[in-house]
Structures are given as C-alpha cells and as structure tokens.
Amino acid sequence: MSLTKSQRRARIKSRVRTVVSGTAERPRLSVFKSNKQIYAQLIDDVQGTTLTAASSSDKSIIGNEGSKSEKAEMVGKLVAEKALAAGITEVVFDRGGYLYHGRIKQLADAARKGGLKF
C-alpha cells in the first residue's frame, strides 16, 4: 500500500510535532507552502496562539515580481522583521513535513539573515 504525497507529509509532520514545540519566549516558526503561496507563522503552543505571521500574499510582497523562491526569501525577511518588532529573537523551526531545501530553505536562511536564531 503506497501513501499519497499528502498522507506521507502528514505522517512526517506528526513525527516532527512530537519533538518540536514553541513557547512564548521561543515560539515555533511553522511553514506551509501551497503550489502558489508560502506562509510562515510564529506560534506559542503553550497558549495555543499565533504571535505573528507573514505570507507571500501580504500586500508588501504581492506587488513584487519574482519567482516563488524569491518570494519565499521575502517572506523570511518579513517574518523576521515582525518577530524582532514583537521582541522575539529565538525560534524553533518547524518545516511542516517538507524537505529542507528549495523554498523552505530559502525562507529559513532569509529569517536567519533577518536576525532570528534557530
């Protein structure tokens, strides 16, 4: 029995989530990508709240030309700016069941350059 791509990703995501958890001091940087957009949010799992979020469909990014990888980099910079404005410097990275390459890696590297530590 073979799994579909979404079933495989859900299985990986549940395995990762048993280990990765965010707090108010060190929230979880969760990433989701669709075929056209990429989303990132900082989550406090203790309270169950989203502290800040950014996506490629934000007004500041949607007007820019560029590939999906370039937009992922812009989202990484934007989420880092919002996190620093909220007083957050350290995060736990949750790749969301995706492989750490391509758009996910670009977003993470841009967030690191923006000042986040993980």
N, C-alpha and C. Protein backbone atom coordinates (compact mmCIF):
# COMPACT_ATOMS: atom_id res chain seq x y z
N MET A 1 0.84 -1.18 0.00
CA MET A 1 0.00 0.00 0.00
C MET A 1 0.88 1.24 0.00
N SER A 2 0.73 2.08 -1.00
CA SER A 2 1.52 3.29 -1.07
C SER A 2 0.69 4.47 -0.58
N LEU A 3 1.39 5.41 0.03
CA LEU A 3 0.74 6.60 0.56
C LEU A 3 0.73 7.70 -0.49
N THR A 4 -0.27 8.56 -0.42
CA THR A 4 -0.27 9.73 -1.27
C THR A 4 0.73 10.73 -0.70
N LYS A 5 1.04 11.73 -1.48
CA LYS A 5 2.01 12.73 -1.04
C LYS A 5 1.52 13.46 0.22
N SER A 6 0.23 13.77 0.27
CA SER A 6 -0.31 14.49 1.44
C SER A 6 -0.34 13.59 2.67
N GLN A 7 -0.61 12.30 2.49
CA GLN A 7 -0.60 11.37 3.63
C GLN A 7 0.82 11.21 4.17
N ARG A 8 1.79 11.12 3.27
CA ARG A 8 3.19 10.99 3.68
C ARG A 8 3.63 12.23 4.47
N ARG A 9 3.26 13.42 3.95
CA ARG A 9 3.63 14.67 4.62
C ARG A 9 2.97 14.76 5.99
N ALA A 10 1.71 14.34 6.11
CA ALA A 10 1.02 14.36 7.40
C ALA A 10 1.70 13.44 8.40
N ARG A 11 2.18 12.31 7.95
CA ARG A 11 2.87 11.38 8.84
C ARG A 11 4.19 11.98 9.33
N ILE A 12 4.94 12.58 8.41
CA ILE A 12 6.20 13.23 8.79
C ILE A 12 5.94 14.39 9.73
N LYS A 13 4.91 15.18 9.43
CA LYS A 13 4.58 16.35 10.25
C LYS A 13 4.24 15.93 11.67
N SER A 14 3.49 14.85 11.84
CA SER A 14 3.13 14.41 13.19
C SER A 14 4.36 13.92 13.95
N ARG A 15 5.31 13.30 13.24
CA ARG A 15 6.55 12.87 13.90
C ARG A 15 7.36 14.06 14.36
N VAL A 16 7.44 15.09 13.52
CA VAL A 16 8.20 16.29 13.87
C VAL A 16 7.55 17.01 15.04
N ARG A 17 6.22 17.08 15.03
CA ARG A 17 5.49 17.82 16.07
C ARG A 17 5.56 17.17 17.45
N THR A 18 5.92 15.88 17.54
CA THR A 18 6.11 15.28 18.85
C THR A 18 7.35 15.83 19.53
N VAL A 19 8.30 16.33 18.74
CA VAL A 19 9.55 16.84 19.28
C VAL A 19 9.56 18.36 19.36
N VAL A 20 9.04 19.03 18.33
CA VAL A 20 9.12 20.49 18.22
C VAL A 20 7.89 21.13 18.86
N SER A 21 8.14 22.03 19.81
CA SER A 21 7.05 22.77 20.44
C SER A 21 7.53 24.17 20.76
N GLY A 22 6.65 25.14 20.66
CA GLY A 22 7.02 26.53 20.88
C GLY A 22 6.47 27.08 22.18
N THR A 23 7.20 28.03 22.75
CA THR A 23 6.76 28.73 23.96
C THR A 23 6.69 30.22 23.64
N ALA A 24 6.28 31.01 24.63
CA ALA A 24 6.20 32.45 24.41
C ALA A 24 7.60 33.04 24.20
N GLU A 25 8.61 32.51 24.92
CA GLU A 25 9.98 33.03 24.80
C GLU A 25 10.63 32.53 23.52
N ARG A 26 10.32 31.29 23.13
CA ARG A 26 10.91 30.69 21.93
C ARG A 26 9.81 30.01 21.11
N PRO A 27 9.08 30.80 20.32
CA PRO A 27 7.94 30.25 19.57
C PRO A 27 8.38 29.35 18.41
N ARG A 28 7.43 28.63 17.89
CA ARG A 28 7.66 27.73 16.76
C ARG A 28 7.41 28.49 15.46
N LEU A 29 8.39 28.47 14.57
CA LEU A 29 8.26 29.08 13.25
C LEU A 29 7.75 27.99 12.32
N SER A 30 6.44 28.01 12.07
CA SER A 30 5.79 26.99 11.26
C SER A 30 5.67 27.47 9.82
N VAL A 31 5.98 26.58 8.88
CA VAL A 31 5.97 26.92 7.46
C VAL A 31 4.96 26.04 6.74
N PHE A 32 4.17 26.65 5.86
CA PHE A 32 3.26 25.92 4.98
C PHE A 32 3.43 26.46 3.58
N LYS A 33 3.50 25.57 2.62
CA LYS A 33 3.59 26.03 1.23
C LYS A 33 2.51 25.36 0.40
N SER A 34 1.90 26.16 -0.45
CA SER A 34 0.97 25.63 -1.44
C SER A 34 1.68 25.72 -2.79
N ASN A 35 0.97 25.42 -3.85
CA ASN A 35 1.61 25.48 -5.16
C ASN A 35 1.97 26.91 -5.56
N LYS A 36 1.21 27.89 -5.06
CA LYS A 36 1.46 29.27 -5.46
C LYS A 36 2.01 30.15 -4.34
N GLN A 37 1.65 29.88 -3.09
CA GLN A 37 2.00 30.76 -1.97
C GLN A 37 2.85 30.01 -0.94
N ILE A 38 3.45 30.80 -0.04
CA ILE A 38 4.16 30.23 1.11
C ILE A 38 3.81 31.07 2.33
N TYR A 39 3.60 30.41 3.45
CA TYR A 39 3.14 31.06 4.67
C TYR A 39 4.07 30.69 5.82
N ALA A 40 4.30 31.63 6.73
CA ALA A 40 5.10 31.37 7.92
C ALA A 40 4.42 32.05 9.09
N GLN A 41 4.37 31.37 10.23
CA GLN A 41 3.80 31.99 11.43
C GLN A 41 4.56 31.55 12.66
N LEU A 42 4.61 32.46 13.62
CA LEU A 42 5.23 32.16 14.92
C LEU A 42 4.12 31.78 15.89
N ILE A 43 4.23 30.59 16.47
CA ILE A 43 3.16 30.03 17.28
C ILE A 43 3.66 29.74 18.69
N ASP A 44 2.88 30.17 19.67
CA ASP A 44 3.10 29.81 21.07
C ASP A 44 2.20 28.61 21.36
N ASP A 45 2.78 27.41 21.43
CA ASP A 45 1.98 26.20 21.60
C ASP A 45 1.43 26.05 23.02
N VAL A 46 2.04 26.71 24.00
CA VAL A 46 1.54 26.63 25.37
C VAL A 46 0.19 27.32 25.48
N GLN A 47 0.08 28.53 24.92
CA GLN A 47 -1.17 29.28 24.92
C GLN A 47 -2.07 28.90 23.76
N GLY A 48 -1.48 28.34 22.71
CA GLY A 48 -2.25 28.00 21.52
C GLY A 48 -2.59 29.21 20.68
N THR A 49 -1.65 30.16 20.59
CA THR A 49 -1.90 31.40 19.85
C THR A 49 -0.82 31.63 18.80
N THR A 50 -1.21 32.33 17.75
CA THR A 50 -0.26 32.78 16.75
C THR A 50 0.22 34.17 17.14
N LEU A 51 1.53 34.33 17.28
CA LEU A 51 2.09 35.61 17.71
C LEU A 51 2.23 36.57 16.54
N THR A 52 2.72 36.09 15.42
CA THR A 52 2.83 36.90 14.22
C THR A 52 2.89 35.99 13.01
N ALA A 53 2.56 36.53 11.86
CA ALA A 53 2.54 35.72 10.64
C ALA A 53 2.92 36.56 9.44
N ALA A 54 3.38 35.88 8.40
CA ALA A 54 3.71 36.53 7.13
C ALA A 54 3.46 35.52 6.02
N SER A 55 3.12 36.05 4.85
CA SER A 55 2.91 35.15 3.71
C SER A 55 3.22 35.88 2.42
N SER A 56 3.33 35.11 1.37
CA SER A 56 3.62 35.71 0.07
C SER A 56 2.40 36.42 -0.51
N SER A 57 1.26 36.30 0.15
CA SER A 57 0.06 37.02 -0.30
C SER A 57 -0.13 38.34 0.48
N ASP A 58 0.86 38.72 1.33
CA ASP A 58 0.80 40.01 2.01
C ASP A 58 0.93 41.14 0.99
N LYS A 59 0.37 42.29 1.32
CA LYS A 59 0.36 43.42 0.39
C LYS A 59 1.76 43.88 0.04
N SER A 60 2.70 43.80 1.00
CA SER A 60 4.05 44.28 0.74
C SER A 60 4.82 43.36 -0.21
N ILE A 61 4.39 42.12 -0.35
CA ILE A 61 5.10 41.16 -1.19
C ILE A 61 4.38 40.91 -2.51
N ILE A 62 3.06 40.96 -2.49
CA ILE A 62 2.27 40.56 -3.66
C ILE A 62 2.55 41.43 -4.88
N GLY A 63 2.92 42.68 -4.69
CA GLY A 63 3.20 43.57 -5.82
C GLY A 63 4.55 43.34 -6.45
N ASN A 64 5.45 42.66 -5.75
CA ASN A 64 6.81 42.44 -6.26
C ASN A 64 6.83 41.33 -7.30
N GLU A 65 7.65 41.55 -8.31
CA GLU A 65 7.87 40.50 -9.31
C GLU A 65 8.93 39.55 -8.77
N GLY A 66 8.89 38.34 -9.23
CA GLY A 66 9.92 37.39 -8.83
C GLY A 66 9.39 35.97 -8.81
N SER A 67 10.31 35.04 -8.69
CA SER A 67 9.94 33.64 -8.66
C SER A 67 9.38 33.27 -7.28
N LYS A 68 8.88 32.06 -7.17
CA LYS A 68 8.35 31.60 -5.88
C LYS A 68 9.47 31.53 -4.85
N SER A 69 10.68 31.17 -5.27
CA SER A 69 11.82 31.11 -4.35
C SER A 69 12.18 32.50 -3.83
N GLU A 70 12.15 33.49 -4.71
CA GLU A 70 12.44 34.86 -4.29
C GLU A 70 11.37 35.37 -3.33
N LYS A 71 10.12 35.01 -3.58
CA LYS A 71 9.05 35.42 -2.67
C LYS A 71 9.18 34.72 -1.33
N ALA A 72 9.64 33.48 -1.30
CA ALA A 72 9.88 32.77 -0.05
C ALA A 72 10.95 33.49 0.77
N GLU A 73 11.96 34.00 0.08
CA GLU A 73 13.01 34.77 0.76
C GLU A 73 12.44 36.06 1.35
N MET A 74 11.56 36.72 0.61
CA MET A 74 10.92 37.94 1.11
C MET A 74 10.05 37.64 2.34
N VAL A 75 9.37 36.50 2.34
CA VAL A 75 8.54 36.10 3.48
C VAL A 75 9.42 35.86 4.70
N GLY A 76 10.58 35.23 4.50
CA GLY A 76 11.52 35.01 5.60
C GLY A 76 11.98 36.31 6.22
N LYS A 77 12.31 37.29 5.38
CA LYS A 77 12.73 38.60 5.88
C LYS A 77 11.59 39.28 6.63
N LEU A 78 10.38 39.20 6.07
CA LEU A 78 9.22 39.85 6.67
C LEU A 78 8.87 39.24 8.02
N VAL A 79 8.91 37.92 8.14
CA VAL A 79 8.58 37.28 9.42
C VAL A 79 9.66 37.60 10.45
N ALA A 80 10.92 37.73 10.01
CA ALA A 80 11.99 38.11 10.94
C ALA A 80 11.79 39.54 11.45
N GLU A 81 11.41 40.45 10.56
CA GLU A 81 11.14 41.84 10.96
C GLU A 81 10.01 41.90 11.98
N LYS A 82 8.92 41.18 11.69
CA LYS A 82 7.77 41.19 12.60
C LYS A 82 8.12 40.56 13.94
N ALA A 83 8.95 39.52 13.93
CA ALA A 83 9.35 38.87 15.17
C ALA A 83 10.21 39.79 16.02
N LEU A 84 11.16 40.45 15.39
CA LEU A 84 12.02 41.37 16.13
C LEU A 84 11.23 42.55 16.68
N ALA A 85 10.23 43.00 15.93
CA ALA A 85 9.37 44.08 16.42
C ALA A 85 8.55 43.62 17.63
N ALA A 86 8.23 42.34 17.69
CA ALA A 86 7.48 41.79 18.83
C ALA A 86 8.41 41.37 19.97
N GLY A 87 9.72 41.56 19.79
CA GLY A 87 10.67 41.22 20.85
C GLY A 87 11.09 39.77 20.87
N ILE A 88 10.95 39.08 19.76
CA ILE A 88 11.32 37.66 19.67
C ILE A 88 12.60 37.55 18.86
N THR A 89 13.62 36.89 19.44
CA THR A 89 14.88 36.71 18.74
C THR A 89 15.20 35.24 18.47
N GLU A 90 14.66 34.33 19.28
CA GLU A 90 14.93 32.90 19.11
C GLU A 90 13.65 32.17 18.78
N VAL A 91 13.73 31.25 17.82
CA VAL A 91 12.57 30.45 17.43
C VAL A 91 12.99 28.99 17.27
N VAL A 92 11.99 28.12 17.21
CA VAL A 92 12.19 26.72 16.87
C VAL A 92 11.61 26.53 15.48
N PHE A 93 12.38 25.99 14.56
CA PHE A 93 11.93 25.88 13.16
C PHE A 93 11.15 24.60 12.96
N ASP A 94 9.95 24.73 12.41
CA ASP A 94 9.08 23.61 12.07
C ASP A 94 8.88 23.62 10.57
N ARG A 95 9.54 22.70 9.88
CA ARG A 95 9.49 22.68 8.41
C ARG A 95 8.18 22.14 7.88
N GLY A 96 7.29 21.69 8.74
CA GLY A 96 5.95 21.30 8.35
C GLY A 96 5.86 20.03 7.53
N GLY A 97 6.83 19.14 7.68
CA GLY A 97 6.80 17.89 6.93
C GLY A 97 7.41 17.98 5.55
N TYR A 98 7.89 19.17 5.18
CA TYR A 98 8.53 19.34 3.88
C TYR A 98 10.03 19.07 4.03
N LEU A 99 10.67 18.70 2.92
CA LEU A 99 12.11 18.54 2.93
C LEU A 99 12.76 19.92 3.08
N TYR A 100 13.92 19.95 3.75
CA TYR A 100 14.60 21.22 3.98
C TYR A 100 15.46 21.55 2.75
N HIS A 101 14.81 22.02 1.71
CA HIS A 101 15.51 22.50 0.53
C HIS A 101 14.53 23.37 -0.26
N GLY A 102 15.03 24.05 -1.25
CA GLY A 102 14.17 24.87 -2.08
C GLY A 102 13.59 26.06 -1.33
N ARG A 103 12.27 26.23 -1.46
CA ARG A 103 11.60 27.39 -0.86
C ARG A 103 11.68 27.39 0.66
N ILE A 104 11.62 26.20 1.27
CA ILE A 104 11.68 26.11 2.73
C ILE A 104 13.06 26.59 3.22
N LYS A 105 14.11 26.14 2.55
CA LYS A 105 15.47 26.53 2.93
C LYS A 105 15.68 28.02 2.70
N GLN A 106 15.16 28.55 1.60
CA GLN A 106 15.32 29.98 1.31
C GLN A 106 14.63 30.82 2.38
N LEU A 107 13.44 30.42 2.79
CA LEU A 107 12.72 31.14 3.83
C LEU A 107 13.51 31.10 5.14
N ALA A 108 14.03 29.94 5.51
CA ALA A 108 14.78 29.80 6.76
C ALA A 108 16.06 30.63 6.73
N ASP A 109 16.79 30.59 5.62
CA ASP A 109 18.03 31.36 5.52
C ASP A 109 17.76 32.86 5.59
N ALA A 110 16.69 33.31 4.96
CA ALA A 110 16.34 34.74 5.00
C ALA A 110 15.93 35.15 6.41
N ALA A 111 15.24 34.27 7.13
CA ALA A 111 14.85 34.58 8.51
C ALA A 111 16.09 34.67 9.40
N ARG A 112 17.07 33.81 9.15
CA ARG A 112 18.33 33.87 9.90
C ARG A 112 19.06 35.18 9.62
N LYS A 113 19.13 35.56 8.34
CA LYS A 113 19.78 36.83 7.97
C LYS A 113 19.04 38.01 8.57
N GLY A 114 17.73 37.87 8.73
CA GLY A 114 16.92 38.93 9.32
C GLY A 114 17.10 39.09 10.82
N GLY A 115 17.79 38.15 11.46
CA GLY A 115 18.09 38.30 12.89
C GLY A 115 17.53 37.23 13.79
N LEU A 116 16.80 36.26 13.26
CA LEU A 116 16.26 35.17 14.10
C LEU A 116 17.31 34.10 14.31
N LYS A 117 17.32 33.52 15.50
CA LYS A 117 18.25 32.44 15.83
C LYS A 117 17.46 31.15 15.98
N PHE A 118 17.88 30.12 15.23
CA PHE A 118 17.31 28.79 15.39
C PHE A 118 18.25 27.75 14.84
